[in-house]
């Protein structure tokens, strides 16, 4: 049975995905700029809303 989590790049943004139910984005992880590693807090708020 698949499980765990991975960081993946989506349109230049790093997002955490859970592998337990397919590749589902984590709703509470803070996305980050893939090149710099800096958190993108404005996107995190949009995902949480």
C-alpha atoms as a PDB file:
ATOM      1  CA  UNK A   1       0.000   0.000   0.000  1.00  0.00           C
ATOM      2  CA  UNK A   2       1.499   3.380  -0.977  1.00  0.00           C
ATOM      3  CA  UNK A   3       2.100   5.937   1.725  1.00  0.00           C
ATOM      4  CA  UNK A   4       4.272   8.804   2.825  1.00  0.00           C
ATOM      5  CA  UNK A   5       4.691  12.239   1.340  1.00  0.00           C
ATOM      6  CA  UNK A   6       6.811  13.985  -1.289  1.00  0.00           C
ATOM      7  CA  UNK A   7       7.700  17.530  -2.261  1.00  0.00           C
ATOM      8  CA  UNK A   8       6.794  18.172  -5.903  1.00  0.00           C
ATOM      9  CA  UNK A   9       7.200  21.143  -8.242  1.00  0.00           C
ATOM     10  CA  UNK A  10       3.983  22.600  -9.695  1.00  0.00           C
ATOM     11  CA  UNK A  11       4.386  25.681 -11.921  1.00  0.00           C
ATOM     12  CA  UNK A  12       7.608  26.656 -10.110  1.00  0.00           C
ATOM     13  CA  UNK A  13       6.070  26.206  -6.657  1.00  0.00           C
ATOM     14  CA  UNK A  14       7.042  23.425  -4.257  1.00  0.00           C
ATOM     15  CA  UNK A  15       4.065  21.704  -2.642  1.00  0.00           C
ATOM     16  CA  UNK A  16       3.756  18.777  -0.266  1.00  0.00           C
ATOM     17  CA  UNK A  17       1.672  15.853  -1.495  1.00  0.00           C
ATOM     18  CA  UNK A  18       0.436  12.830   0.416  1.00  0.00           C
ATOM     19  CA  UNK A  19       0.755   9.482  -1.338  1.00  0.00           C
ATOM     20  CA  UNK A  20      -1.762   7.575   0.784  1.00  0.00           C
ATOM     21  CA  UNK A  21      -4.774   8.428  -1.444  1.00  0.00           C
ATOM     22  CA  UNK A  22      -3.149   9.144  -4.773  1.00  0.00           C
ATOM     23  CA  UNK A  23      -1.047  12.298  -4.992  1.00  0.00           C
ATOM     24  CA  UNK A  24      -3.184  14.663  -2.935  1.00  0.00           C
ATOM     25  CA  UNK A  25      -1.897  18.118  -1.910  1.00  0.00           C
ATOM     26  CA  UNK A  26      -1.455  18.660   1.806  1.00  0.00           C
ATOM     27  CA  UNK A  27      -3.898  21.398   2.873  1.00  0.00           C
ATOM     28  CA  UNK A  28      -1.725  22.681   5.750  1.00  0.00           C
ATOM     29  CA  UNK A  29       1.813  22.642   4.292  1.00  0.00           C
ATOM     30  CA  UNK A  30       3.260  26.020   3.273  1.00  0.00           C
ATOM     31  CA  UNK A  31       4.127  26.107  -0.442  1.00  0.00           C
ATOM     32  CA  UNK A  32       7.534  27.546  -1.365  1.00  0.00           C
ATOM     33  CA  UNK A  33       9.407  29.013  -4.306  1.00  0.00           C
ATOM     34  CA  UNK A  34      11.157  25.992  -5.856  1.00  0.00           C
ATOM     35  CA  UNK A  35      14.282  27.990  -6.848  1.00  0.00           C
ATOM     36  CA  UNK A  36      14.861  29.940  -3.618  1.00  0.00           C
ATOM     37  CA  UNK A  37      13.208  27.709  -1.028  1.00  0.00           C
ATOM     38  CA  UNK A  38      11.427  30.735   0.454  1.00  0.00           C
ATOM     39  CA  UNK A  39       7.893  30.149   1.788  1.00  0.00           C
ATOM     40  CA  UNK A  40       5.013  31.659  -0.169  1.00  0.00           C
ATOM     41  CA  UNK A  41       2.759  32.674   2.709  1.00  0.00           C
ATOM     42  CA  UNK A  42       0.269  34.424   0.415  1.00  0.00           C
ATOM     43  CA  UNK A  43      -0.404  31.137  -1.405  1.00  0.00           C
ATOM     44  CA  UNK A  44      -0.670  29.246   1.874  1.00  0.00           C
ATOM     45  CA  UNK A  45      -3.499  31.533   2.972  1.00  0.00           C
ATOM     46  CA  UNK A  46      -5.306  31.047  -0.325  1.00  0.00           C
ATOM     47  CA  UNK A  47      -5.058  27.259  -0.053  1.00  0.00           C
ATOM     48  CA  UNK A  48      -6.305  27.278   3.547  1.00  0.00           C
ATOM     49  CA  UNK A  49      -9.280  29.525   2.734  1.00  0.00           C
END
